[in-house]
PDB file of all heavy atoms in Angstrom:
ATOM      1  N   GLY A   1       0.791  -1.211   0.000  1.00  0.00           N
ATOM      2  CA  GLY A   1       0.000   0.000   0.000  1.00  0.00           C
ATOM      3  C   GLY A   1       0.829   1.269   0.000  1.00  0.00           C
ATOM      4  O   GLY A   1       0.286   2.346  -0.158  1.00  0.00           O
ATOM      5  N   ARG A   2       2.151   1.155   0.149  1.00  0.00           N
ATOM      6  CA  ARG A   2       2.989   2.351   0.098  1.00  0.00           C
ATOM      7  C   ARG A   2       3.131   2.808  -1.348  1.00  0.00           C
ATOM      8  O   ARG A   2       3.343   2.009  -2.248  1.00  0.00           O
ATOM      9  CB  ARG A   2       4.379   2.062   0.666  1.00  0.00           C
ATOM     10  CG  ARG A   2       4.378   1.734   2.147  1.00  0.00           C
ATOM     11  CD  ARG A   2       5.804   1.478   2.613  1.00  0.00           C
ATOM     12  NE  ARG A   2       5.845   1.029   3.985  1.00  0.00           N
ATOM     13  CZ  ARG A   2       6.965   0.624   4.595  1.00  0.00           C
ATOM     14  NH1 ARG A   2       8.101   0.612   3.927  1.00  0.00           N
ATOM     15  NH2 ARG A   2       6.934   0.234   5.849  1.00  0.00           N
ATOM     16  N   ARG A   3       3.038   4.081  -1.561  1.00  0.00           N
ATOM     17  CA  ARG A   3       3.160   4.628  -2.902  1.00  0.00           C
ATOM     18  C   ARG A   3       4.610   5.027  -3.153  1.00  0.00           C
ATOM     19  O   ARG A   3       5.221   5.713  -2.344  1.00  0.00           O
ATOM     20  CB  ARG A   3       2.244   5.838  -3.062  1.00  0.00           C
ATOM     21  CG  ARG A   3       2.127   6.340  -4.493  1.00  0.00           C
ATOM     22  CD  ARG A   3       1.108   7.452  -4.584  1.00  0.00           C
ATOM     23  NE  ARG A   3      -0.242   6.995  -4.349  1.00  0.00           N
ATOM     24  CZ  ARG A   3      -1.018   6.468  -5.280  1.00  0.00           C
ATOM     25  NH1 ARG A   3      -0.559   6.288  -6.497  1.00  0.00           N
ATOM     26  NH2 ARG A   3      -2.245   6.087  -4.996  1.00  0.00           N
ATOM     27  N   THR A   4       5.182   4.554  -4.263  1.00  0.00           N
ATOM     28  CA  THR A   4       6.563   4.887  -4.580  1.00  0.00           C
ATOM     29  C   THR A   4       6.666   6.361  -4.960  1.00  0.00           C
ATOM     30  O   THR A   4       5.677   6.979  -5.365  1.00  0.00           O
ATOM     31  CB  THR A   4       7.088   4.011  -5.733  1.00  0.00           C
ATOM     32  OG1 THR A   4       6.235   4.171  -6.873  1.00  0.00           O
ATOM     33  CG2 THR A   4       7.103   2.546  -5.326  1.00  0.00           C
ATOM     34  N   LYS A   5       7.854   6.890  -4.871  1.00  0.00           N
ATOM     35  CA  LYS A   5       8.086   8.309  -5.142  1.00  0.00           C
ATOM     36  C   LYS A   5       7.865   8.629  -6.618  1.00  0.00           C
ATOM     37  O   LYS A   5       8.303   7.904  -7.500  1.00  0.00           O
ATOM     38  CB  LYS A   5       9.523   8.667  -4.741  1.00  0.00           C
ATOM     39  CG  LYS A   5       9.892  10.113  -5.022  1.00  0.00           C
ATOM     40  CD  LYS A   5      11.353  10.358  -4.698  1.00  0.00           C
ATOM     41  CE  LYS A   5      11.767  11.777  -5.088  1.00  0.00           C
ATOM     42  NZ  LYS A   5      13.209  12.001  -4.847  1.00  0.00           N
ATOM     43  N   LYS A   6       7.182   9.733  -6.875  1.00  0.00           N
ATOM     44  CA  LYS A   6       6.987  10.178  -8.246  1.00  0.00           C
ATOM     45  C   LYS A   6       8.205  10.976  -8.706  1.00  0.00           C
ATOM     46  O   LYS A   6       8.730  11.803  -7.969  1.00  0.00           O
ATOM     47  CB  LYS A   6       5.736  11.048  -8.356  1.00  0.00           C
ATOM     48  CG  LYS A   6       4.422  10.273  -8.374  1.00  0.00           C
ATOM     49  CD  LYS A   6       3.257  11.209  -8.567  1.00  0.00           C
ATOM     50  CE  LYS A   6       1.941  10.444  -8.680  1.00  0.00           C
ATOM     51  NZ  LYS A   6       1.830   9.719  -9.936  1.00  0.00           N
ATOM     52  N   GLU A   7       8.649  10.715  -9.931  1.00  0.00           N
ATOM     53  CA  GLU A   7       9.753  11.449 -10.522  1.00  0.00           C
ATOM     54  C   GLU A   7       9.196  12.488 -11.485  1.00  0.00           C
ATOM     55  O   GLU A   7       8.247  12.215 -12.224  1.00  0.00           O
ATOM     56  CB  GLU A   7      10.703  10.490 -11.247  1.00  0.00           C
ATOM     57  CG  GLU A   7      11.295   9.409 -10.363  1.00  0.00           C
ATOM     58  CD  GLU A   7      12.187   9.950  -9.250  1.00  0.00           C
ATOM     59  OE1 GLU A   7      12.662  11.104  -9.383  1.00  0.00           O
ATOM     60  OE2 GLU A   7      12.402   9.230  -8.264  1.00  0.00           O
ATOM     61  N   LYS A   8       9.803  13.678 -11.478  1.00  0.00           N
ATOM     62  CA  LYS A   8       9.288  14.778 -12.289  1.00  0.00           C
ATOM     63  C   LYS A   8      10.169  15.011 -13.511  1.00  0.00           C
ATOM     64  O   LYS A   8      11.393  15.051 -13.406  1.00  0.00           O
ATOM     65  CB  LYS A   8       9.233  16.078 -11.468  1.00  0.00           C
ATOM     66  CG  LYS A   8       8.325  16.014 -10.237  1.00  0.00           C
ATOM     67  CD  LYS A   8       9.060  15.553  -9.026  1.00  0.00           C
ATOM     68  CE  LYS A   8       8.199  15.590  -7.768  1.00  0.00           C
ATOM     69  NZ  LYS A   8       8.888  14.964  -6.613  1.00  0.00           N
ATOM     70  N   VAL A   9       9.537  15.161 -14.650  1.00  0.00           N
ATOM     71  CA  VAL A   9      10.250  15.401 -15.910  1.00  0.00           C
ATOM     72  C   VAL A   9       9.591  16.584 -16.612  1.00  0.00           C
ATOM     73  O   VAL A   9       8.368  16.619 -16.775  1.00  0.00           O
ATOM     74  CB  VAL A   9      10.214  14.164 -16.823  1.00  0.00           C
ATOM     75  CG1 VAL A   9      10.815  14.491 -18.199  1.00  0.00           C
ATOM     76  CG2 VAL A   9      10.968  13.009 -16.178  1.00  0.00           C
ATOM     77  N   VAL A  10      10.405  17.564 -17.006  1.00  0.00           N
ATOM     78  CA  VAL A  10       9.934  18.714 -17.776  1.00  0.00           C
ATOM     79  C   VAL A  10      10.361  18.506 -19.222  1.00  0.00           C
ATOM     80  O   VAL A  10      11.522  18.205 -19.495  1.00  0.00           O
ATOM     81  CB  VAL A  10      10.520  20.033 -17.231  1.00  0.00           C
ATOM     82  CG1 VAL A  10      10.122  21.208 -18.121  1.00  0.00           C
ATOM     83  CG2 VAL A  10      10.055  20.267 -15.798  1.00  0.00           C
ATOM     84  N   THR A  11       9.411  18.670 -20.143  1.00  0.00           N
ATOM     85  CA  THR A  11       9.680  18.388 -21.550  1.00  0.00           C
ATOM     86  C   THR A  11       9.340  19.579 -22.432  1.00  0.00           C
ATOM     87  O   THR A  11       8.312  20.238 -22.241  1.00  0.00           O
ATOM     88  CB  THR A  11       8.881  17.164 -22.029  1.00  0.00           C
ATOM     89  OG1 THR A  11       9.313  16.010 -21.299  1.00  0.00           O
ATOM     90  CG2 THR A  11       9.084  16.908 -23.514  1.00  0.00           C
ATOM     91  N   LEU A  12      10.226  19.846 -23.398  1.00  0.00           N
ATOM     92  CA  LEU A  12      10.014  20.877 -24.419  1.00  0.00           C
ATOM     93  C   LEU A  12       9.887  20.171 -25.766  1.00  0.00           C
ATOM     94  O   LEU A  12      10.775  19.400 -26.136  1.00  0.00           O
ATOM     95  CB  LEU A  12      11.192  21.862 -24.480  1.00  0.00           C
ATOM     96  CG  LEU A  12      11.447  22.815 -23.310  1.00  0.00           C
ATOM     97  CD1 LEU A  12      11.974  22.077 -22.081  1.00  0.00           C
ATOM     98  CD2 LEU A  12      12.450  23.884 -23.733  1.00  0.00           C
ATOM     99  N   VAL A  13       8.797  20.445 -26.483  1.00  0.00           N
ATOM    100  CA  VAL A  13       8.592  19.847 -27.803  1.00  0.00           C
ATOM    101  C   VAL A  13       8.362  20.958 -28.820  1.00  0.00           C
ATOM    102  O   VAL A  13       7.443  21.770 -28.658  1.00  0.00           O
ATOM    103  CB  VAL A  13       7.390  18.887 -27.819  1.00  0.00           C
ATOM    104  CG1 VAL A  13       7.194  18.323 -29.229  1.00  0.00           C
ATOM    105  CG2 VAL A  13       7.584  17.751 -26.834  1.00  0.00           C
ATOM    106  N   GLU A  14       9.207  20.994 -29.835  1.00  0.00           N
ATOM    107  CA  GLU A  14       9.016  21.947 -30.923  1.00  0.00           C
ATOM    108  C   GLU A  14       8.102  21.296 -31.961  1.00  0.00           C
ATOM    109  O   GLU A  14       8.376  20.188 -32.433  1.00  0.00           O
ATOM    110  CB  GLU A  14      10.367  22.291 -31.553  1.00  0.00           C
ATOM    111  CG  GLU A  14      10.282  23.334 -32.638  1.00  0.00           C
ATOM    112  CD  GLU A  14      11.660  23.708 -33.181  1.00  0.00           C
ATOM    113  OE1 GLU A  14      12.665  23.406 -32.501  1.00  0.00           O
ATOM    114  OE2 GLU A  14      11.713  24.285 -34.278  1.00  0.00           O
ATOM    115  N   ARG A  15       7.019  21.951 -32.298  1.00  0.00           N
ATOM    116  CA  ARG A  15       6.081  21.374 -33.256  1.00  0.00           C
ATOM    117  C   ARG A  15       6.778  21.117 -34.594  1.00  0.00           C
ATOM    118  O   ARG A  15       7.340  22.026 -35.192  1.00  0.00           O
ATOM    119  CB  ARG A  15       4.888  22.305 -33.472  1.00  0.00           C
ATOM    120  CG  ARG A  15       3.962  22.394 -32.274  1.00  0.00           C
ATOM    121  CD  ARG A  15       2.771  23.277 -32.536  1.00  0.00           C
ATOM    122  NE  ARG A  15       1.988  23.479 -31.327  1.00  0.00           N
ATOM    123  CZ  ARG A  15       0.980  24.349 -31.231  1.00  0.00           C
ATOM    124  NH1 ARG A  15       0.631  25.068 -32.286  1.00  0.00           N
ATOM    125  NH2 ARG A  15       0.323  24.479 -30.083  1.00  0.00           N
ATOM    126  N   GLY A  16       6.749  19.851 -35.007  1.00  0.00           N
ATOM    127  CA  GLY A  16       7.415  19.458 -36.235  1.00  0.00           C
ATOM    128  C   GLY A  16       8.914  19.326 -36.100  1.00  0.00           C
ATOM    129  O   GLY A  16       9.613  19.142 -37.101  1.00  0.00           O
ATOM    130  N   GLY A  17       9.418  19.400 -34.851  1.00  0.00           N
ATOM    131  CA  GLY A  17      10.864  19.352 -34.646  1.00  0.00           C
ATOM    132  C   GLY A  17      11.284  18.445 -33.508  1.00  0.00           C
ATOM    133  O   GLY A  17      10.739  17.359 -33.322  1.00  0.00           O
ATOM    134  N   ARG A  18      12.233  18.936 -32.727  1.00  0.00           N
ATOM    135  CA  ARG A  18      12.877  18.117 -31.705  1.00  0.00           C
ATOM    136  C   ARG A  18      12.138  18.144 -30.370  1.00  0.00           C
ATOM    137  O   ARG A  18      11.244  18.955 -30.154  1.00  0.00           O
ATOM    138  CB  ARG A  18      14.314  18.618 -31.489  1.00  0.00           C
ATOM    139  CG  ARG A  18      15.205  18.552 -32.705  1.00  0.00           C
ATOM    140  CD  ARG A  18      16.476  19.362 -32.496  1.00  0.00           C
ATOM    141  NE  ARG A  18      16.183  20.808 -32.462  1.00  0.00           N
ATOM    142  CZ  ARG A  18      17.082  21.738 -32.153  1.00  0.00           C
ATOM    143  NH1 ARG A  18      18.306  21.381 -31.804  1.00  0.00           N
ATOM    144  NH2 ARG A  18      16.738  23.018 -32.166  1.00  0.00           N
ATOM    145  N   VAL A  19      12.581  17.259 -29.487  1.00  0.00           N
ATOM    146  CA  VAL A  19      12.065  17.220 -28.124  1.00  0.00           C
ATOM    147  C   VAL A  19      13.240  17.074 -27.171  1.00  0.00           C
ATOM    148  O   VAL A  19      14.228  16.398 -27.482  1.00  0.00           O
ATOM    149  CB  VAL A  19      11.058  16.052 -27.943  1.00  0.00           C
ATOM    150  CG1 VAL A  19      11.703  14.719 -28.290  1.00  0.00           C
ATOM    151  CG2 VAL A  19      10.530  16.002 -26.508  1.00  0.00           C
ATOM    152  N   ARG A  20      13.156  17.719 -26.018  1.00  0.00           N
ATOM    153  CA  ARG A  20      14.171  17.581 -24.964  1.00  0.00           C
ATOM    154  C   ARG A  20      13.471  17.477 -23.627  1.00  0.00           C
ATOM    155  O   ARG A  20      12.583  18.266 -23.319  1.00  0.00           O
ATOM    156  CB  ARG A  20      15.130  18.782 -24.956  1.00  0.00           C
ATOM    157  CG  ARG A  20      16.097  18.787 -26.122  1.00  0.00           C
ATOM    158  CD  ARG A  20      17.054  19.953 -26.063  1.00  0.00           C
ATOM    159  NE  ARG A  20      17.712  20.128 -27.352  1.00  0.00           N
ATOM    160  CZ  ARG A  20      18.208  21.274 -27.795  1.00  0.00           C
ATOM    161  NH1 ARG A  20      18.137  22.362 -27.037  1.00  0.00           N
ATOM    162  NH2 ARG A  20      18.785  21.345 -28.976  1.00  0.00           N
ATOM    163  N   SER A  21      13.908  16.499 -22.831  1.00  0.00           N
ATOM    164  CA  SER A  21      13.311  16.265 -21.522  1.00  0.00           C
ATOM    165  C   SER A  21      14.372  16.369 -20.438  1.00  0.00           C
ATOM    166  O   SER A  21      15.525  16.000 -20.651  1.00  0.00           O
ATOM    167  CB  SER A  21      12.652  14.883 -21.472  1.00  0.00           C
ATOM    168  OG  SER A  21      11.651  14.771 -22.462  1.00  0.00           O
ATOM    169  N   PHE A  22      13.941  16.826 -19.252  1.00  0.00           N
ATOM    170  CA  PHE A  22      14.872  17.050 -18.147  1.00  0.00           C
ATOM    171  C   PHE A  22      14.266  16.533 -16.842  1.00  0.00           C
ATOM    172  O   PHE A  22      13.156  16.924 -16.470  1.00  0.00           O
ATOM    173  CB  PHE A  22      15.202  18.542 -18.021  1.00  0.00           C
ATOM    174  CG  PHE A  22      15.792  19.129 -19.271  1.00  0.00           C
ATOM    175  CD1 PHE A  22      14.971  19.656 -20.259  1.00  0.00           C
ATOM    176  CD2 PHE A  22      17.162  19.117 -19.475  1.00  0.00           C
ATOM    177  CE1 PHE A  22      15.507  20.178 -21.422  1.00  0.00           C
ATOM    178  CE2 PHE A  22      17.708  19.636 -20.643  1.00  0.00           C
ATOM    179  CZ  PHE A  22      16.879  20.162 -21.620  1.00  0.00           C
ATOM    180  N   HIS A  23      15.005  15.663 -16.184  1.00  0.00           N
ATOM    181  CA  HIS A  23      14.587  15.128 -14.889  1.00  0.00           C
ATOM    182  C   HIS A  23      14.927  16.164 -13.827  1.00  0.00           C
ATOM    183  O   HIS A  23      16.086  16.575 -13.684  1.00  0.00           O
ATOM    184  CB  HIS A  23      15.333  13.815 -14.627  1.00  0.00           C
ATOM    185  CG  HIS A  23      14.954  13.169 -13.336  1.00  0.00           C
ATOM    186  ND1 HIS A  23      15.784  12.268 -12.685  1.00  0.00           N
ATOM    187  CD2 HIS A  23      13.843  13.277 -12.559  1.00  0.00           C
ATOM    188  CE1 HIS A  23      15.206  11.863 -11.578  1.00  0.00           C
ATOM    189  NE2 HIS A  23      14.029  12.462 -11.479  1.00  0.00           N
ATOM    190  N   VAL A  24      13.926  16.613 -13.073  1.00  0.00           N
ATOM    191  CA  VAL A  24      14.134  17.637 -12.050  1.00  0.00           C
ATOM    192  C   VAL A  24      13.637  17.127 -10.700  1.00  0.00           C
ATOM    193  O   VAL A  24      12.770  16.252 -10.630  1.00  0.00           O
ATOM    194  CB  VAL A  24      13.402  18.954 -12.408  1.00  0.00           C
ATOM    195  CG1 VAL A  24      13.983  19.558 -13.681  1.00  0.00           C
ATOM    196  CG2 VAL A  24      11.906  18.717 -12.582  1.00  0.00           C
ATOM    197  N   LYS A  25      14.201  17.681  -9.636  1.00  0.00           N
ATOM    198  CA  LYS A  25      13.769  17.289  -8.300  1.00  0.00           C
ATOM    199  C   LYS A  25      12.392  17.856  -7.983  1.00  0.00           C
ATOM    200  O   LYS A  25      11.559  17.197  -7.368  1.00  0.00           O
ATOM    201  CB  LYS A  25      14.786  17.760  -7.251  1.00  0.00           C
ATOM    202  CG  LYS A  25      16.096  17.001  -7.281  1.00  0.00           C
ATOM    203  CD  LYS A  25      16.998  17.439  -6.148  1.00  0.00           C
ATOM    204  CE  LYS A  25      18.294  16.631  -6.132  1.00  0.00           C
ATOM    205  NZ  LYS A  25      19.196  17.050  -5.020  1.00  0.00           N
ATOM    206  N   ARG A  26      12.168  19.117  -8.408  1.00  0.00           N
ATOM    207  CA  ARG A  26      10.881  19.762  -8.167  1.00  0.00           C
ATOM    208  C   ARG A  26      10.521  20.598  -9.380  1.00  0.00           C
ATOM    209  O   ARG A  26      11.398  21.191 -10.016  1.00  0.00           O
ATOM    210  CB  ARG A  26      10.937  20.661  -6.925  1.00  0.00           C
ATOM    211  CG  ARG A  26      11.149  19.932  -5.614  1.00  0.00           C
ATOM    212  CD  ARG A  26      11.140  20.929  -4.460  1.00  0.00           C
ATOM    213  NE  ARG A  26       9.877  21.639  -4.375  1.00  0.00           N
ATOM    214  CZ  ARG A  26       9.728  22.809  -3.730  1.00  0.00           C
ATOM    215  NH1 ARG A  26      10.771  23.386  -3.153  1.00  0.00           N
ATOM    216  NH2 ARG A  26       8.542  23.390  -3.682  1.00  0.00           N
ATOM    217  N   VAL A  27       9.234  20.646  -9.686  1.00  0.00           N
ATOM    218  CA  VAL A  27       8.771  21.486 -10.789  1.00  0.00           C
ATOM    219  C   VAL A  27       8.403  22.844 -10.211  1.00  0.00           C
ATOM    220  O   VAL A  27       7.310  23.042  -9.666  1.00  0.00           O
ATOM    221  CB  VAL A  27       7.559  20.856 -11.509  1.00  0.00           C
ATOM    222  CG1 VAL A  27       7.094  21.760 -12.652  1.00  0.00           C
ATOM    223  CG2 VAL A  27       7.910  19.479 -12.037  1.00  0.00           C
ATOM    224  N   THR A  28       9.324  23.778 -10.292  1.00  0.00           N
ATOM    225  CA  THR A  28       9.115  25.128  -9.788  1.00  0.00           C
ATOM    226  C   THR A  28       9.415  26.131 -10.905  1.00  0.00           C
ATOM    227  O   THR A  28      10.068  25.800 -11.899  1.00  0.00           O
ATOM    228  CB  THR A  28      10.036  25.432  -8.598  1.00  0.00           C
ATOM    229  OG1 THR A  28      11.414  25.368  -9.034  1.00  0.00           O
ATOM    230  CG2 THR A  28       9.832  24.421  -7.477  1.00  0.00           C
ATOM    231  N   THR A  29       8.956  27.347 -10.720  1.00  0.00           N
ATOM    232  CA  THR A  29       9.217  28.394 -11.716  1.00  0.00           C
ATOM    233  C   THR A  29      10.710  28.589 -11.910  1.00  0.00           C
ATOM    234  O   THR A  29      11.185  28.744 -13.042  1.00  0.00           O
ATOM    235  CB  THR A  29       8.566  29.713 -11.272  1.00  0.00           C
ATOM    236  OG1 THR A  29       7.150  29.529 -11.160  1.00  0.00           O
ATOM    237  CG2 THR A  29       8.850  30.826 -12.274  1.00  0.00           C
ATOM    238  N   LYS A  30      11.461  28.557 -10.828  1.00  0.00           N
ATOM    239  CA  LYS A  30      12.912  28.765 -10.915  1.00  0.00           C
ATOM    240  C   LYS A  30      13.589  27.650 -11.707  1.00  0.00           C
ATOM    241  O   LYS A  30      14.445  27.914 -12.559  1.00  0.00           O
ATOM    242  CB  LYS A  30      13.499  28.841  -9.502  1.00  0.00           C
ATOM    243  CG  LYS A  30      14.962  29.246  -9.464  1.00  0.00           C
ATOM    244  CD  LYS A  30      15.429  29.434  -8.033  1.00  0.00           C
ATOM    245  CE  LYS A  30      16.884  29.887  -7.986  1.00  0.00           C
ATOM    246  NZ  LYS A  30      17.344  30.074  -6.585  1.00  0.00           N
ATOM    247  N   ASN A  31      13.231  26.410 -11.424  1.00  0.00           N
ATOM    248  CA  ASN A  31      13.850  25.286 -12.131  1.00  0.00           C
ATOM    249  C   ASN A  31      13.493  25.286 -13.618  1.00  0.00           C
ATOM    250  O   ASN A  31      14.347  25.049 -14.475  1.00  0.00           O
ATOM    251  CB  ASN A  31      13.406  23.959 -11.500  1.00  0.00           C
ATOM    252  CG  ASN A  31      14.054  23.707 -10.155  1.00  0.00           C
ATOM    253  OD1 ASN A  31      15.058  24.329  -9.819  1.00  0.00           O
ATOM    254  ND2 ASN A  31      13.492  22.808  -9.377  1.00  0.00           N
ATOM    255  N   VAL A  32      12.220  25.543 -13.926  1.00  0.00           N
ATOM    256  CA  VAL A  32      11.796  25.569 -15.326  1.00  0.00           C
ATOM    257  C   VAL A  32      12.427  26.751 -16.054  1.00  0.00           C
ATOM    258  O   VAL A  32      12.808  26.644 -17.221  1.00  0.00           O
ATOM    259  CB  VAL A  32      10.259  25.624 -15.424  1.00  0.00           C
ATOM    260  CG1 VAL A  32       9.813  25.770 -16.874  1.00  0.00           C
ATOM    261  CG2 VAL A  32       9.644  24.374 -14.809  1.00  0.00           C
ATOM    262  N   GLU A  33      12.552  27.876 -15.378  1.00  0.00           N
ATOM    263  CA  GLU A  33      13.164  29.063 -15.994  1.00  0.00           C
ATOM    264  C   GLU A  33      14.605  28.782 -16.415  1.00  0.00           C
ATOM    265  O   GLU A  33      15.037  29.188 -17.500  1.00  0.00           O
ATOM    266  CB  GLU A  33      13.132  30.238 -15.014  1.00  0.00           C
ATOM    267  CG  GLU A  33      13.666  31.533 -15.607  1.00  0.00           C
ATOM    268  CD  GLU A  33      13.559  32.688 -14.636  1.00  0.00           C
ATOM    269  OE1 GLU A  33      13.522  32.440 -13.408  1.00  0.00           O
ATOM    270  OE2 GLU A  33      13.519  33.845 -15.095  1.00  0.00           O
ATOM    271  N   ARG A  34      15.361  28.059 -15.571  1.00  0.00           N
ATOM    272  CA  ARG A  34      16.743  27.709 -15.917  1.00  0.00           C
ATOM    273  C   ARG A  34      16.778  26.867 -17.194  1.00  0.00           C
ATOM    274  O   ARG A  34      17.629  27.071 -18.060  1.00  0.00           O
ATOM    275  CB  ARG A  34      17.388  26.908 -14.773  1.00  0.00           C
ATOM    276  CG  ARG A  34      17.749  27.729 -13.554  1.00  0.00           C
ATOM    277  CD  ARG A  34      18.799  26.995 -12.726  1.00  0.00           C
ATOM    278  NE  ARG A  34      18.850  27.505 -11.379  1.00  0.00           N
ATOM    279  CZ  ARG A  34      18.274  26.943 -10.318  1.00  0.00           C
ATOM    280  NH1 ARG A  34      17.577  25.831 -10.474  1.00  0.00           N
ATOM    281  NH2 ARG A  34      18.380  27.470  -9.115  1.00  0.00           N
ATOM    282  N   ILE A  35      15.869  25.916 -17.297  1.00  0.00           N
ATOM    283  CA  ILE A  35      15.827  25.041 -18.472  1.00  0.00           C
ATOM    284  C   ILE A  35      15.493  25.843 -19.722  1.00  0.00           C
ATOM    285  O   ILE A  35      16.158  25.702 -20.759  1.00  0.00           O
ATOM    286  CB  ILE A  35      14.798  23.914 -18.255  1.00  0.00           C
ATOM    287  CG1 ILE A  35      15.257  22.974 -17.135  1.00  0.00           C
ATOM    288  CG2 ILE A  35      14.581  23.121 -19.543  1.00  0.00           C
ATOM    289  CD1 ILE A  35      14.221  21.954 -16.720  1.00  0.00           C
ATOM    290  N   LEU A  36      14.476  26.695 -19.632  1.00  0.00           N
ATOM    291  CA  LEU A  36      14.066  27.469 -20.806  1.00  0.00           C
ATOM    292  C   LEU A  36      15.154  28.441 -21.248  1.00  0.00           C
ATOM    293  O   LEU A  36      15.390  28.614 -22.453  1.00  0.00           O
ATOM    294  CB  LEU A  36      12.771  28.230 -20.503  1.00  0.00           C
ATOM    295  CG  LEU A  36      11.529  27.388 -20.225  1.00  0.00           C
ATOM    296  CD1 LEU A  36      10.312  28.283 -20.061  1.00  0.00           C
ATOM    297  CD2 LEU A  36      11.285  26.387 -21.331  1.00  0.00           C
ATOM    298  N   GLU A  37      15.827  29.074 -20.302  1.00  0.00           N
ATOM    299  CA  GLU A  37      16.895  30.010 -20.659  1.00  0.00           C
ATOM    300  C   GLU A  37      18.018  29.313 -21.416  1.00  0.00           C
ATOM    301  O   GLU A  37      18.604  29.884 -22.339  1.00  0.00           O
ATOM    302  CB  GLU A  37      17.458  30.672 -19.397  1.00  0.00           C
ATOM    303  CG  GLU A  37      16.546  31.729 -18.793  1.00  0.00           C
ATOM    304  CD  GLU A  37      17.142  32.348 -17.544  1.00  0.00           C
ATOM    305  OE1 GLU A  37      18.187  31.822 -17.060  1.00  0.00           O
ATOM    306  OE2 GLU A  37      16.581  33.328 -17.040  1.00  0.00           O
ATOM    307  N   ALA A  38      18.326  28.063 -21.025  1.00  0.00           N
ATOM    308  CA  ALA A  38      19.427  27.332 -21.650  1.00  0.00           C
ATOM    309  C   ALA A  38      19.031  26.658 -22.956  1.00  0.00           C
ATOM    310  O   ALA A  38      19.885  26.447 -23.825  1.00  0.00           O
ATOM    311  CB  ALA A  38      19.970  26.289 -20.671  1.00  0.00           C
TER     312      ALA A  38
END
């Protein structure tokens, strides 16, 4: 009955193009902002 830990992944998909995914500890504005800037 114990629930295993959920892992968070942020993904960017360009329509008709590439995709990039990033495993993050927490989905926060700061963490997502770093990914988008890079």
